[in-house]
Protein backbone atom coordinates (compact mmCIF):
# COMPACT_ATOMS: atom_id res chain seq x y z
CA UNK A 1 -27.41 3.72 9.95
CA UNK A 2 -27.92 -0.23 9.68
CA UNK A 3 -24.89 -2.27 9.54
CA UNK A 4 -24.05 -4.97 7.49
CA UNK A 5 -22.69 -8.22 8.89
CA UNK A 6 -19.22 -7.80 9.91
CA UNK A 7 -17.65 -10.93 8.44
CA UNK A 8 -20.05 -12.14 5.62
CA UNK A 9 -20.16 -15.58 4.72
CA UNK A 10 -20.10 -15.87 0.87
CA UNK A 11 -22.49 -18.90 0.78
CA UNK A 12 -25.04 -16.99 2.86
CA UNK A 13 -24.65 -13.61 1.15
CA UNK A 14 -23.88 -14.31 -2.57
CA UNK A 15 -22.46 -11.87 -4.96
CA UNK A 16 -22.90 -8.03 -4.53
CA UNK A 17 -25.22 -6.68 -6.90
CA UNK A 18 -23.70 -5.40 -10.15
CA UNK A 19 -20.26 -7.62 -9.30
CA UNK A 20 -18.36 -8.85 -12.24
CA UNK A 21 -17.85 -12.60 -12.64
CA UNK A 22 -15.03 -13.66 -10.60
CA UNK A 23 -11.83 -15.29 -12.06
CA UNK A 24 -11.44 -19.00 -11.83
CA UNK A 25 -10.36 -20.25 -8.65
CA UNK A 26 -6.90 -21.82 -8.82
CA UNK A 27 -4.85 -23.14 -6.20
CA UNK A 28 -3.11 -20.45 -4.01
CA UNK A 29 0.55 -19.70 -4.56
CA UNK A 30 2.35 -19.64 -1.45
CA UNK A 31 2.57 -16.05 -0.33
CA UNK A 32 4.56 -15.31 2.85
CA UNK A 33 2.49 -13.65 5.58
CA UNK A 34 4.06 -11.24 7.94
CA UNK A 35 3.19 -9.59 11.16
CA UNK A 36 1.87 -5.86 10.82
CA UNK A 37 3.84 -4.67 13.70
CA UNK A 38 2.05 -5.58 17.01
CA UNK A 39 -1.44 -5.28 15.64
CA UNK A 40 -2.06 -9.04 15.35
CA UNK A 41 -2.93 -8.79 11.53
CA UNK A 42 -0.70 -10.96 9.19
CA UNK A 43 -0.27 -9.19 5.76
CA UNK A 44 0.95 -10.76 2.60
CA UNK A 45 4.60 -9.84 1.65
CA UNK A 46 3.17 -8.43 -1.54
CA UNK A 47 -0.07 -6.34 -1.30
CA UNK A 48 -2.15 -4.91 -4.08
CA UNK A 49 -2.34 -1.29 -4.63
CA UNK A 50 -5.99 -0.77 -5.96
CA UNK A 51 -5.22 2.39 -7.78
CA UNK A 52 -5.48 0.89 -11.37
CA UNK A 53 -9.19 -0.19 -10.54
CA UNK A 54 -10.02 3.59 -10.21
CA UNK A 55 -11.56 4.84 -13.48
CA UNK A 56 -12.90 4.17 -17.01
CA UNK A 57 -9.65 2.93 -18.21
CA UNK A 58 -10.55 -0.36 -16.81
CA UNK A 59 -14.08 -1.70 -17.49
CA UNK A 60 -16.33 -2.82 -14.52
CA UNK A 61 -16.13 -6.36 -15.66
CA UNK A 62 -12.34 -6.10 -15.90
CA UNK A 63 -11.95 -4.52 -12.13
CA UNK A 64 -14.13 -7.39 -10.90
CA UNK A 65 -12.04 -10.11 -12.68
CA UNK A 66 -8.71 -8.32 -11.48
CA UNK A 67 -9.79 -7.92 -7.78
CA UNK A 68 -10.83 -11.54 -7.53
CA UNK A 69 -7.70 -12.69 -9.06
CA UNK A 70 -5.77 -10.88 -6.44
CA UNK A 71 -7.40 -13.10 -3.69
CA UNK A 72 -7.23 -16.22 -5.85
CA UNK A 73 -3.39 -15.68 -6.12
CA UNK A 74 -3.01 -15.41 -2.31
CA UNK A 75 -2.65 -11.75 -1.97
CA UNK A 76 -4.48 -10.95 1.47
CA UNK A 77 -3.62 -6.99 1.45
CA UNK A 78 -5.77 -4.64 -0.80
CA UNK A 79 -4.74 -0.86 -0.33
CA UNK A 80 -6.80 1.99 -1.65
CA UNK A 81 -7.62 5.63 -0.86
CA UNK A 82 -10.22 8.39 -1.22
CA UNK A 83 -8.36 9.98 -4.02
CA UNK A 84 -8.34 6.76 -5.86
CA UNK A 85 -11.69 7.38 -7.94
CA UNK A 86 -14.08 4.67 -8.13
CA UNK A 87 -11.59 2.12 -6.31
CA UNK A 88 -13.43 1.94 -2.88
CA UNK A 89 -16.62 1.42 -4.67
CA UNK A 90 -15.41 -1.20 -6.88
CA UNK A 91 -13.81 -3.13 -4.09
CA UNK A 92 -17.25 -2.99 -2.20
CA UNK A 93 -18.98 -3.97 -5.34
CA UNK A 94 -16.80 -7.06 -6.21
CA UNK A 95 -15.39 -8.07 -3.00
CA UNK A 96 -17.86 -7.86 -0.29
CA UNK A 97 -18.88 -11.43 -0.65
CA UNK A 98 -15.25 -12.49 0.13
CA UNK A 99 -14.58 -9.81 2.77
CA UNK A 100 -13.50 -12.56 5.29
CA UNK A 101 -10.69 -13.38 2.87
CA UNK A 102 -8.57 -10.21 2.85
CA UNK A 103 -7.43 -7.27 4.76
CA UNK A 104 -8.64 -3.76 3.68
CA UNK A 105 -6.83 -0.62 3.88
CA UNK A 106 -7.68 2.93 2.79
CA UNK A 107 -6.50 6.48 3.50
CA UNK A 108 -8.67 9.69 4.54
CA UNK A 109 -8.24 13.15 5.29
CA UNK A 110 -9.74 15.09 2.40
CA UNK A 111 -12.52 15.30 -0.30
CA UNK A 112 -15.78 14.97 2.10
CA UNK A 113 -18.63 17.65 0.85
CA UNK A 114 -19.61 19.96 3.45
CA UNK A 115 -16.74 19.90 5.76
CA UNK A 116 -13.21 21.17 5.65
CA UNK A 117 -10.16 18.96 4.63
CA UNK A 118 -8.07 17.85 7.56
CA UNK A 119 -10.56 18.36 10.19
CA UNK A 120 -12.03 16.03 12.84
CA UNK A 121 -15.35 15.86 10.91
CA UNK A 122 -13.47 14.90 7.50
CA UNK A 123 -11.97 12.04 9.18
CA UNK A 124 -14.60 10.60 10.77
CA UNK A 125 -17.16 11.18 7.77
CA UNK A 126 -14.44 9.94 5.37
CA UNK A 127 -13.94 6.55 7.38
CA UNK A 128 -17.87 6.27 7.40
CA UNK A 129 -17.93 6.99 3.88
CA UNK A 130 -15.43 4.21 3.19
CA UNK A 131 -17.35 1.83 5.24
CA UNK A 132 -20.50 2.31 3.03
CA UNK A 133 -18.65 2.05 -0.36
CA UNK A 134 -16.67 -0.90 0.59
CA UNK A 135 -19.70 -2.58 2.31
CA UNK A 136 -18.07 -3.53 5.38
CA UNK A 137 -18.53 -2.86 9.44
CA UNK A 138 -14.65 -2.50 9.85
CA UNK A 139 -11.74 -1.39 7.81
CA UNK A 140 -8.47 -3.12 8.99
CA UNK A 141 -6.23 -0.35 8.26
CA UNK A 142 -7.08 3.59 7.75
CA UNK A 143 -4.14 6.02 7.23
CA UNK A 144 -4.08 9.84 7.20
CA UNK A 145 -2.96 10.16 3.74
CA UNK A 146 0.08 12.51 3.41
CA UNK A 147 -1.32 14.73 6.43
CA UNK A 148 0.89 17.91 6.67
CA UNK A 149 3.19 18.13 9.60
CA UNK A 150 1.39 21.28 11.12
CA UNK A 151 -2.11 19.42 11.06
CA UNK A 152 -0.43 16.38 12.69
CA UNK A 153 1.02 18.45 15.44
CA UNK A 154 -2.32 20.13 16.40
CA UNK A 155 -3.47 16.84 16.99
CA UNK A 156 -7.31 16.85 15.65
CA UNK A 157 -7.09 14.44 12.73
CA UNK A 158 -5.26 11.80 14.94
CA UNK A 159 -7.74 12.10 17.91
CA UNK A 160 -10.53 11.72 15.27
CA UNK A 161 -8.90 8.49 13.83
CA UNK A 162 -8.49 6.85 17.20
CA UNK A 163 -11.93 7.83 18.33
CA UNK A 164 -13.22 5.62 15.09
CA UNK A 165 -10.82 2.82 16.05
CA UNK A 166 -12.44 3.10 19.67
CA UNK A 167 -15.87 2.98 17.99
CA UNK A 168 -14.74 -0.43 16.17
CA UNK A 169 -14.81 1.26 12.44
CA UNK A 170 -11.20 0.35 12.12
CA UNK A 171 -8.56 -2.08 13.66
CA UNK A 172 -5.41 0.11 13.13
CA UNK A 173 -4.75 3.77 13.16
CA UNK A 174 -2.01 4.53 10.44
CA UNK A 175 -0.18 7.11 8.59
CA UNK A 176 0.87 7.49 5.12
CA UNK A 177 3.84 9.67 4.28
CA UNK A 178 7.46 10.58 4.42
CA UNK A 179 10.19 13.02 6.07
CA UNK A 180 9.43 15.10 9.02
CA UNK A 181 5.73 13.84 8.91
CA UNK A 182 6.65 10.32 9.08
CA UNK A 183 9.20 11.04 12.03
CA UNK A 184 6.32 12.72 13.98
CA UNK A 185 3.90 10.01 13.33
CA UNK A 186 6.49 7.49 14.33
CA UNK A 187 7.37 9.26 17.72
CA UNK A 188 3.60 10.11 18.53
CA UNK A 189 2.69 6.73 19.75
CA UNK A 190 -0.73 7.09 18.00
CA UNK A 191 -0.22 4.65 15.12
CA UNK A 192 -0.04 1.03 14.73
CA UNK A 193 1.39 1.02 11.02
CA UNK A 194 2.93 3.63 8.67
CA UNK A 195 3.19 3.63 4.80
CA UNK A 196 6.24 5.04 3.22
CA UNK A 197 8.29 5.27 0.03
CA UNK A 198 10.91 2.47 -0.42
CA UNK A 199 12.81 1.66 -3.38
CA UNK A 200 16.51 1.56 -4.89
CA UNK A 201 15.75 5.51 -5.66
CA UNK A 202 14.34 6.18 -2.32
CA UNK A 203 16.31 4.53 0.43
CA UNK A 204 16.32 7.10 3.12
CA UNK A 205 13.90 5.30 5.57
CA UNK A 206 15.69 2.08 5.42
CA UNK A 207 18.03 2.67 8.42
CA UNK A 208 16.73 4.90 11.44
CA UNK A 209 13.04 4.95 10.50
CA UNK A 210 12.49 1.29 9.74
CA UNK A 211 14.45 0.30 12.68
CA UNK A 212 12.45 2.68 14.92
CA UNK A 213 9.23 1.18 13.70
CA UNK A 214 10.48 -2.14 14.55
CA UNK A 215 11.47 -1.27 17.80
CA UNK A 216 8.10 0.40 18.31
CA UNK A 217 5.81 -2.70 17.21
CA UNK A 218 4.73 -0.29 14.19
CA UNK A 219 3.94 -2.17 10.99
CA UNK A 220 5.62 -0.70 7.68
CA UNK A 221 3.51 -0.96 4.13
CA UNK A 222 6.24 0.26 1.30
CA UNK A 223 4.84 2.21 -1.30
CA UNK A 224 6.38 3.29 -4.74
CA UNK A 225 8.63 0.26 -4.75
CA UNK A 226 9.49 0.66 -8.53
CA UNK A 227 10.05 4.35 -8.29
CA UNK A 228 7.87 4.91 -11.24
CA UNK A 229 9.78 2.38 -13.36
CA UNK A 230 11.97 5.15 -14.13
CA UNK A 231 14.49 3.00 -16.10
CA UNK A 232 11.80 2.95 -18.78
CA UNK A 233 11.87 6.79 -19.28
CA UNK A 234 14.29 7.75 -22.13
CA UNK A 235 14.14 11.19 -20.95
CA UNK A 236 13.48 13.21 -17.82
CA UNK A 237 9.66 13.22 -17.09
CA UNK A 238 7.46 16.39 -16.45
CA UNK A 239 6.12 14.97 -13.14
CA UNK A 240 7.99 16.28 -10.31
CA UNK A 241 8.51 13.08 -8.24
CA UNK A 242 9.25 10.94 -11.48
CA UNK A 243 11.82 13.63 -12.40
CA UNK A 244 13.70 13.37 -9.00
CA UNK A 245 13.61 9.61 -9.43
CA UNK A 246 14.95 9.80 -12.98
CA UNK A 247 17.86 12.16 -11.45
CA UNK A 248 18.61 9.73 -8.92
CA UNK A 249 18.53 6.71 -11.22
CA UNK A 250 21.08 8.68 -13.62
CA UNK A 251 23.25 9.26 -10.44
CA UNK A 252 23.21 5.47 -9.38
CA UNK A 253 24.51 4.57 -12.66
CA UNK A 254 23.58 0.92 -12.05
CA UNK A 255 25.22 -1.62 -14.66
CA UNK A 256 22.96 -4.13 -16.42
CA UNK A 257 25.49 -6.80 -15.00
CA UNK A 258 23.96 -6.36 -11.78
CA UNK A 259 20.78 -8.22 -13.00
CA UNK A 260 22.72 -11.14 -13.76
CA UNK A 261 24.44 -11.02 -10.39
CA UNK A 262 20.82 -10.78 -8.85
CA UNK A 263 19.45 -13.59 -10.87
CA UNK A 264 16.98 -11.32 -12.55
CA UNK A 265 16.16 -10.66 -16.11
CA UNK A 266 14.98 -7.14 -15.58
CA UNK A 267 15.02 -4.27 -13.02
CA UNK A 268 11.39 -4.64 -11.71
CA UNK A 269 12.20 -8.14 -10.34
CA UNK A 270 15.25 -6.78 -8.69
CA UNK A 271 13.49 -3.36 -7.44
CA UNK A 272 10.60 -5.51 -5.97
CA UNK A 273 13.10 -7.66 -4.20
CA UNK A 274 14.92 -4.97 -2.86
CA UNK A 275 11.74 -3.28 -1.30
CA UNK A 276 10.18 -6.32 -0.13
CA UNK A 277 12.96 -7.85 1.79
CA UNK A 278 14.33 -4.82 3.40
CA UNK A 279 14.32 -5.24 7.08
CA UNK A 280 11.34 -4.07 8.79
CA UNK A 281 8.87 -4.20 5.87
CA UNK A 282 5.44 -5.87 6.32
CA UNK A 283 4.31 -5.69 2.84
CA UNK A 284 5.35 -3.95 -0.52
CA UNK A 285 2.31 -2.27 -2.14
CA UNK A 286 2.13 -2.91 -5.87
CA UNK A 287 -0.59 -1.73 -8.39
CA UNK A 288 -1.22 -3.15 -11.84
CA UNK A 289 -4.12 -3.80 -14.35
CA UNK A 290 -2.12 -7.05 -15.76
CA UNK A 291 -2.55 -10.30 -14.15
CA UNK A 292 0.59 -11.21 -15.94
CA UNK A 293 2.59 -8.49 -14.16
CA UNK A 294 0.90 -9.35 -10.78
CA UNK A 295 2.09 -13.26 -11.28
CA UNK A 296 5.58 -11.77 -12.15
CA UNK A 297 5.47 -9.55 -8.99
CA UNK A 298 4.52 -12.49 -6.83
CA UNK A 299 7.20 -14.83 -8.17
CA UNK A 300 9.78 -11.96 -7.77
CA UNK A 301 9.11 -11.52 -4.05
CA UNK A 302 9.23 -15.35 -3.62
CA UNK A 303 12.69 -15.33 -5.05
CA UNK A 304 13.74 -13.85 -1.54
CA UNK A 305 16.33 -11.24 -0.57
CA UNK A 306 18.83 -10.04 -2.99
CA UNK A 307 22.56 -11.44 -2.65
CA UNK A 308 24.64 -9.24 -0.17
CA UNK A 309 26.87 -8.05 -2.97
CA UNK A 310 24.15 -6.77 -5.01
CA UNK A 311 22.64 -4.97 -2.18
CA UNK A 312 26.06 -3.17 -1.37
CA UNK A 313 26.02 -1.78 -4.80
CA UNK A 314 22.65 -0.43 -4.72
CA UNK A 315 23.46 1.33 -1.47
CA UNK A 316 26.74 2.49 -2.50
CA UNK A 317 25.90 5.93 -4.30
CA UNK A 318 22.55 6.58 -2.72
CA UNK A 319 22.80 9.96 -1.36
CA UNK A 320 21.55 10.36 2.40
CA UNK A 321 20.41 14.13 1.02
CA UNK A 322 17.84 12.41 -1.12
CA UNK A 323 14.38 13.01 0.97
CA UNK A 324 11.47 10.65 0.56
CA UNK A 325 9.08 11.13 -2.54
CA UNK A 326 5.44 11.54 -1.11
């Protein structure tokens, strides 16, 4: 299969066929860059989760405008997955001409026609499919996406991912998940980065696991930092993960006065600062289809860590028995 240039120049390549009009380029807001463990990569403190560019709920033109605006605002990490519908394809279509300006992360392990999920061939073919869809010769970070513990222990899928890394198809082999699977991934020595849940309602990783990742030089991407914005739900949701977060939010009983103490007007700003500035976090991943929300998220992260008293209250009633939500 003929490969495209690894780091294409926008002027030489022009816009990929079918791409929407880019957003107007504005002066980039300062976004802190942090090391992704010992990988040599530096990621923006806020990364863009591309689930929201996945289907017909956002048009092709809207997807192109949003993706280009993400880069224009200084975010340099875009995270997607095999399961995010049209997301990988749209990233390739709209950002191939800007490939040198951002780091690309995806997730594999399932959904490849003709081969079983969580097999050696599924990993290799999934990586190759992502390369084709996103019009690149190399993906910066590729995760095993919530791979079951029993499969991780067999070693076949990890070997496949590392073979892809040795073959130059990806830079950082990574794992996305929580709990016992995350423990195994951290201890295996195979992964340069992990992606895991970190939020006010999901704090189980904040002590031992993040500390272990730091000691081992493993980067950490925080997912679900807003815990499904559960404070907006007037009653317990039907979704199992959101229902668990809803129960936890009720148990935490956080007073609205905590917002004033944090210098925030709403819970999303407080929650983002909590996750983004937790020790050991390389980048916090946030998905949105709204540029207004994206700018607000960037502004919240730039406001820095929460005051110690606010952090103490957020930690106070979180139970150590609350497992990470995948």
